[in-house]
N, C-alpha and C. Protein backbone atom coordinates (compact mmCIF):
# COMPACT_ATOMS: atom_id res chain seq x y z
N MET A 1 0.84 -1.18 0.00
CA MET A 1 0.00 0.00 0.00
C MET A 1 0.88 1.24 0.00
N GLU A 2 0.63 2.14 -0.91
CA GLU A 2 1.38 3.38 -0.95
C GLU A 2 0.75 4.39 -0.01
N THR A 3 1.62 5.19 0.60
CA THR A 3 1.14 6.27 1.44
C THR A 3 1.83 7.54 1.00
N TYR A 4 1.26 8.66 1.35
CA TYR A 4 1.86 9.94 1.00
C TYR A 4 3.21 10.08 1.70
N TYR A 5 3.26 9.66 2.96
CA TYR A 5 4.49 9.67 3.72
C TYR A 5 5.09 8.27 3.70
N ASN A 6 6.26 8.14 3.12
CA ASN A 6 6.93 6.85 3.03
C ASN A 6 7.75 6.65 4.31
N PRO A 7 7.41 5.65 5.13
CA PRO A 7 8.16 5.42 6.37
C PRO A 7 9.67 5.28 6.15
N ALA A 8 10.07 4.78 5.01
CA ALA A 8 11.50 4.62 4.72
C ALA A 8 12.22 5.96 4.61
N ASP A 9 11.47 7.03 4.33
CA ASP A 9 12.09 8.34 4.19
C ASP A 9 12.65 8.88 5.50
N LEU A 10 12.14 8.42 6.61
CA LEU A 10 12.65 8.87 7.90
C LEU A 10 14.14 8.58 8.02
N LYS A 11 14.55 7.43 7.51
CA LYS A 11 15.97 7.05 7.56
C LYS A 11 16.82 7.89 6.62
N LYS A 12 16.19 8.64 5.75
CA LYS A 12 16.91 9.49 4.80
C LYS A 12 17.03 10.94 5.26
N PHE A 13 16.61 11.21 6.48
CA PHE A 13 16.58 12.58 6.99
C PHE A 13 17.93 13.29 6.83
N ALA A 14 19.00 12.60 7.11
CA ALA A 14 20.33 13.21 7.00
C ALA A 14 20.66 13.62 5.57
N ASN A 15 19.93 13.09 4.61
CA ASN A 15 20.19 13.42 3.21
C ASN A 15 19.93 14.89 2.89
N ILE A 16 19.26 15.60 3.80
CA ILE A 16 19.04 17.03 3.53
C ILE A 16 20.36 17.78 3.41
N ALA A 17 21.42 17.19 3.94
CA ALA A 17 22.74 17.82 3.85
C ALA A 17 23.30 17.81 2.44
N GLU A 18 22.79 16.96 1.57
CA GLU A 18 23.30 16.87 0.20
C GLU A 18 23.21 18.19 -0.55
N TRP A 19 22.16 18.93 -0.31
CA TRP A 19 21.95 20.15 -1.08
C TRP A 19 22.30 21.42 -0.31
N GLU A 20 22.48 21.30 1.01
CA GLU A 20 22.87 22.46 1.81
C GLU A 20 23.51 21.96 3.09
N GLY A 21 24.75 21.51 2.94
CA GLY A 21 25.47 20.89 4.04
C GLY A 21 25.71 21.78 5.24
N ASN A 22 26.04 23.05 4.99
CA ASN A 22 26.35 23.96 6.08
C ASN A 22 25.13 24.16 6.99
N LEU A 23 23.99 24.43 6.41
CA LEU A 23 22.79 24.66 7.22
C LEU A 23 22.31 23.36 7.87
N ALA A 24 22.44 22.25 7.16
CA ALA A 24 22.06 20.96 7.74
C ALA A 24 22.91 20.66 8.97
N LYS A 25 24.21 20.92 8.87
CA LYS A 25 25.10 20.68 10.01
C LYS A 25 24.67 21.53 11.20
N LYS A 26 24.37 22.78 10.94
CA LYS A 26 23.93 23.67 12.02
C LYS A 26 22.65 23.15 12.66
N PHE A 27 21.72 22.70 11.81
CA PHE A 27 20.47 22.17 12.34
C PHE A 27 20.72 20.93 13.19
N PHE A 28 21.47 19.97 12.66
CA PHE A 28 21.69 18.72 13.38
C PHE A 28 22.50 18.93 14.66
N ASP A 29 23.45 19.87 14.65
CA ASP A 29 24.19 20.19 15.88
C ASP A 29 23.24 20.77 16.93
N TRP A 30 22.41 21.72 16.50
CA TRP A 30 21.45 22.34 17.41
C TRP A 30 20.45 21.31 17.92
N TYR A 31 19.93 20.49 17.03
CA TYR A 31 18.95 19.46 17.37
C TYR A 31 19.54 18.51 18.43
N GLY A 32 20.78 18.12 18.22
CA GLY A 32 21.45 17.25 19.18
C GLY A 32 21.60 17.90 20.54
N ASP A 33 21.94 19.19 20.54
CA ASP A 33 22.09 19.92 21.81
C ASP A 33 20.75 20.05 22.53
N VAL A 34 19.69 20.26 21.77
CA VAL A 34 18.36 20.40 22.37
C VAL A 34 17.99 19.16 23.18
N PHE A 35 18.34 17.99 22.68
CA PHE A 35 17.92 16.75 23.32
C PHE A 35 18.91 16.21 24.35
N LYS A 36 19.97 16.96 24.63
CA LYS A 36 20.89 16.56 25.70
C LYS A 36 20.23 16.79 27.05
N GLU A 37 20.67 16.00 28.03
CA GLU A 37 20.17 16.18 29.40
C GLU A 37 20.44 17.61 29.85
N GLY A 38 19.47 18.19 30.50
CA GLY A 38 19.59 19.53 31.07
C GLY A 38 18.70 19.56 32.29
N ASP A 39 17.97 20.63 32.47
CA ASP A 39 16.98 20.66 33.55
C ASP A 39 15.90 19.62 33.30
N LEU A 40 15.67 19.32 32.02
CA LEU A 40 14.76 18.23 31.64
C LEU A 40 15.59 17.00 31.29
N THR A 41 15.10 15.86 31.67
CA THR A 41 15.78 14.61 31.32
C THR A 41 15.56 14.30 29.85
N ALA A 42 16.38 13.43 29.30
CA ALA A 42 16.19 12.99 27.91
C ALA A 42 14.83 12.33 27.75
N ARG A 43 14.39 11.63 28.79
CA ARG A 43 13.08 10.95 28.77
C ARG A 43 11.95 11.99 28.68
N GLU A 44 12.05 13.04 29.49
CA GLU A 44 11.03 14.09 29.46
C GLU A 44 11.01 14.80 28.11
N LYS A 45 12.20 15.07 27.58
CA LYS A 45 12.27 15.74 26.28
C LYS A 45 11.67 14.87 25.18
N SER A 46 11.90 13.59 25.25
CA SER A 46 11.34 12.67 24.26
C SER A 46 9.82 12.65 24.34
N LEU A 47 9.29 12.67 25.54
CA LEU A 47 7.83 12.67 25.73
C LEU A 47 7.23 13.98 25.22
N ILE A 48 7.91 15.10 25.47
CA ILE A 48 7.46 16.38 24.93
C ILE A 48 7.46 16.32 23.41
N ALA A 49 8.53 15.78 22.84
CA ALA A 49 8.63 15.68 21.38
C ALA A 49 7.50 14.83 20.81
N LEU A 50 7.16 13.75 21.50
CA LEU A 50 6.06 12.90 21.04
C LEU A 50 4.74 13.67 21.03
N ALA A 51 4.49 14.44 22.09
CA ALA A 51 3.26 15.23 22.16
C ALA A 51 3.23 16.30 21.07
N VAL A 52 4.35 16.99 20.88
CA VAL A 52 4.43 18.02 19.84
C VAL A 52 4.25 17.38 18.46
N ALA A 53 4.84 16.21 18.25
CA ALA A 53 4.71 15.52 16.97
C ALA A 53 3.24 15.28 16.61
N HIS A 54 2.45 14.98 17.61
CA HIS A 54 1.02 14.78 17.36
C HIS A 54 0.32 16.12 17.09
N THR A 55 0.77 17.16 17.76
CA THR A 55 0.16 18.47 17.56
C THR A 55 0.43 18.99 16.16
N ILE A 56 1.65 18.80 15.67
CA ILE A 56 1.97 19.26 14.32
C ILE A 56 1.68 18.19 13.27
N GLN A 57 1.26 17.04 13.72
CA GLN A 57 0.85 15.91 12.87
C GLN A 57 1.95 15.48 11.89
N CYS A 58 3.14 15.26 12.43
CA CYS A 58 4.26 14.79 11.63
C CYS A 58 4.39 13.28 11.79
N PRO A 59 4.04 12.51 10.77
CA PRO A 59 4.10 11.06 10.91
C PRO A 59 5.51 10.53 11.15
N TYR A 60 6.52 11.20 10.58
CA TYR A 60 7.89 10.76 10.81
C TYR A 60 8.27 10.95 12.28
N CYS A 61 7.91 12.11 12.83
CA CYS A 61 8.22 12.40 14.23
C CYS A 61 7.44 11.47 15.16
N ILE A 62 6.20 11.18 14.81
CA ILE A 62 5.39 10.27 15.62
C ILE A 62 6.08 8.90 15.68
N ASP A 63 6.51 8.41 14.54
CA ASP A 63 7.21 7.12 14.52
C ASP A 63 8.50 7.18 15.33
N ALA A 64 9.29 8.21 15.08
CA ALA A 64 10.60 8.31 15.74
C ALA A 64 10.47 8.45 17.25
N TYR A 65 9.55 9.28 17.71
CA TYR A 65 9.46 9.52 19.15
C TYR A 65 8.58 8.50 19.86
N THR A 66 7.77 7.76 19.14
CA THR A 66 7.12 6.60 19.76
C THR A 66 8.20 5.59 20.12
N GLN A 67 9.08 5.31 19.17
CA GLN A 67 10.18 4.38 19.43
C GLN A 67 11.10 4.91 20.52
N ASP A 68 11.46 6.19 20.45
CA ASP A 68 12.39 6.77 21.40
C ASP A 68 11.83 6.76 22.82
N THR A 69 10.57 7.13 22.98
CA THR A 69 10.00 7.14 24.33
C THR A 69 9.91 5.73 24.90
N LEU A 70 9.54 4.77 24.06
CA LEU A 70 9.49 3.39 24.54
C LEU A 70 10.88 2.92 24.97
N GLU A 71 11.90 3.26 24.16
CA GLU A 71 13.27 2.88 24.51
C GLU A 71 13.74 3.54 25.80
N LYS A 72 13.16 4.69 26.14
CA LYS A 72 13.54 5.40 27.35
C LYS A 72 12.66 5.00 28.54
N GLY A 73 11.82 3.98 28.35
CA GLY A 73 11.04 3.43 29.45
C GLY A 73 9.71 4.11 29.73
N VAL A 74 9.26 4.94 28.81
CA VAL A 74 7.96 5.59 29.00
C VAL A 74 6.87 4.55 28.72
N THR A 75 5.86 4.52 29.57
CA THR A 75 4.77 3.56 29.38
C THR A 75 3.83 4.04 28.29
N GLU A 76 3.12 3.11 27.71
CA GLU A 76 2.14 3.46 26.69
C GLU A 76 1.05 4.36 27.28
N LYS A 77 0.69 4.11 28.53
CA LYS A 77 -0.31 4.95 29.19
C LYS A 77 0.19 6.39 29.32
N ALA A 78 1.45 6.57 29.70
CA ALA A 78 2.02 7.91 29.82
C ALA A 78 2.10 8.59 28.46
N MET A 79 2.44 7.81 27.43
CA MET A 79 2.49 8.37 26.08
C MET A 79 1.12 8.90 25.66
N MET A 80 0.07 8.11 25.93
CA MET A 80 -1.27 8.53 25.56
C MET A 80 -1.71 9.74 26.37
N GLU A 81 -1.32 9.77 27.64
CA GLU A 81 -1.65 10.93 28.47
C GLU A 81 -1.00 12.19 27.91
N ALA A 82 0.24 12.08 27.48
CA ALA A 82 0.93 13.23 26.88
C ALA A 82 0.22 13.70 25.62
N ILE A 83 -0.27 12.77 24.83
CA ILE A 83 -0.98 13.12 23.61
C ILE A 83 -2.29 13.83 23.95
N HIS A 84 -2.95 13.39 25.01
CA HIS A 84 -4.17 14.06 25.45
C HIS A 84 -3.87 15.49 25.92
N VAL A 85 -2.75 15.68 26.58
CA VAL A 85 -2.36 17.03 26.98
C VAL A 85 -2.18 17.90 25.73
N ALA A 86 -1.46 17.37 24.75
CA ALA A 86 -1.24 18.11 23.50
C ALA A 86 -2.57 18.42 22.81
N ALA A 87 -3.47 17.44 22.79
CA ALA A 87 -4.77 17.64 22.14
C ALA A 87 -5.60 18.69 22.89
N ALA A 88 -5.52 18.69 24.21
CA ALA A 88 -6.27 19.67 24.99
C ALA A 88 -5.76 21.08 24.72
N ILE A 89 -4.44 21.23 24.63
CA ILE A 89 -3.87 22.54 24.33
C ILE A 89 -4.26 22.98 22.93
N ARG A 90 -4.19 22.04 21.99
CA ARG A 90 -4.55 22.37 20.61
C ARG A 90 -6.02 22.74 20.51
N GLY A 91 -6.88 21.96 21.16
CA GLY A 91 -8.31 22.25 21.15
C GLY A 91 -8.61 23.57 21.85
N GLY A 92 -7.97 23.79 22.98
CA GLY A 92 -8.16 25.04 23.71
C GLY A 92 -7.73 26.24 22.90
N SER A 93 -6.64 26.07 22.15
CA SER A 93 -6.15 27.15 21.30
C SER A 93 -7.19 27.52 20.25
N SER A 94 -7.82 26.53 19.66
CA SER A 94 -8.88 26.81 18.69
C SER A 94 -10.06 27.51 19.36
N LEU A 95 -10.44 27.02 20.53
CA LEU A 95 -11.59 27.60 21.21
C LEU A 95 -11.33 29.02 21.71
N VAL A 96 -10.14 29.28 22.23
CA VAL A 96 -9.87 30.63 22.74
C VAL A 96 -9.88 31.65 21.61
N HIS A 97 -9.59 31.21 20.39
CA HIS A 97 -9.71 32.13 19.26
C HIS A 97 -11.16 32.48 18.98
N GLY A 98 -12.07 31.71 19.56
CA GLY A 98 -13.49 32.04 19.48
C GLY A 98 -13.79 33.38 20.13
N VAL A 99 -12.99 33.78 21.12
CA VAL A 99 -13.16 35.09 21.75
C VAL A 99 -12.92 36.19 20.72
N GLN A 100 -11.93 35.99 19.85
CA GLN A 100 -11.67 36.96 18.80
C GLN A 100 -12.89 37.08 17.89
N MET A 101 -13.47 35.92 17.53
CA MET A 101 -14.66 35.92 16.69
C MET A 101 -15.80 36.64 17.40
N MET A 102 -15.98 36.37 18.70
CA MET A 102 -17.05 37.01 19.45
C MET A 102 -16.85 38.52 19.51
N ASN A 103 -15.61 38.96 19.76
CA ASN A 103 -15.33 40.40 19.80
C ASN A 103 -15.66 41.05 18.46
N LYS A 104 -15.23 40.42 17.36
CA LYS A 104 -15.47 40.96 16.02
C LYS A 104 -16.96 41.01 15.72
N SER A 105 -17.66 39.92 16.05
CA SER A 105 -19.10 39.86 15.79
C SER A 105 -19.84 40.95 16.56
N LYS A 106 -19.46 41.12 17.84
CA LYS A 106 -20.11 42.14 18.67
C LYS A 106 -19.84 43.55 18.12
N LYS A 107 -18.62 43.77 17.62
CA LYS A 107 -18.25 45.07 17.07
C LYS A 107 -19.08 45.35 15.82
N ILE A 108 -19.22 44.34 14.95
CA ILE A 108 -19.98 44.50 13.72
C ILE A 108 -21.46 44.71 14.02
N SER A 109 -21.97 44.03 15.03
CA SER A 109 -23.38 44.08 15.38
C SER A 109 -23.79 45.40 16.05
N MET A 110 -22.84 46.15 16.53
CA MET A 110 -23.16 47.40 17.24
C MET A 110 -23.64 48.48 16.33
């Protein structure tokens, strides 16, 4: 079955350096630094990445961080809880923009 997103392409991510090596290097260096242990553990960062991956709906990131969080000992229940947090924020963001609509509607109706 063909899909728009080819799972095999995830393994080709480093290939972006072929056409712009300098910027790719900067990105990969920065990306690596972001995921180093700091005030947040690597496990916490991976779980955040998994939640964000669902928010931005990146299938490659979902695959990568599902595997990464499992390898870091995150439970499936915790993974789903993180996704619910991301969904609640995303849903809330849509709803809070309803205030803008209400303000505009009230202004027009006056």
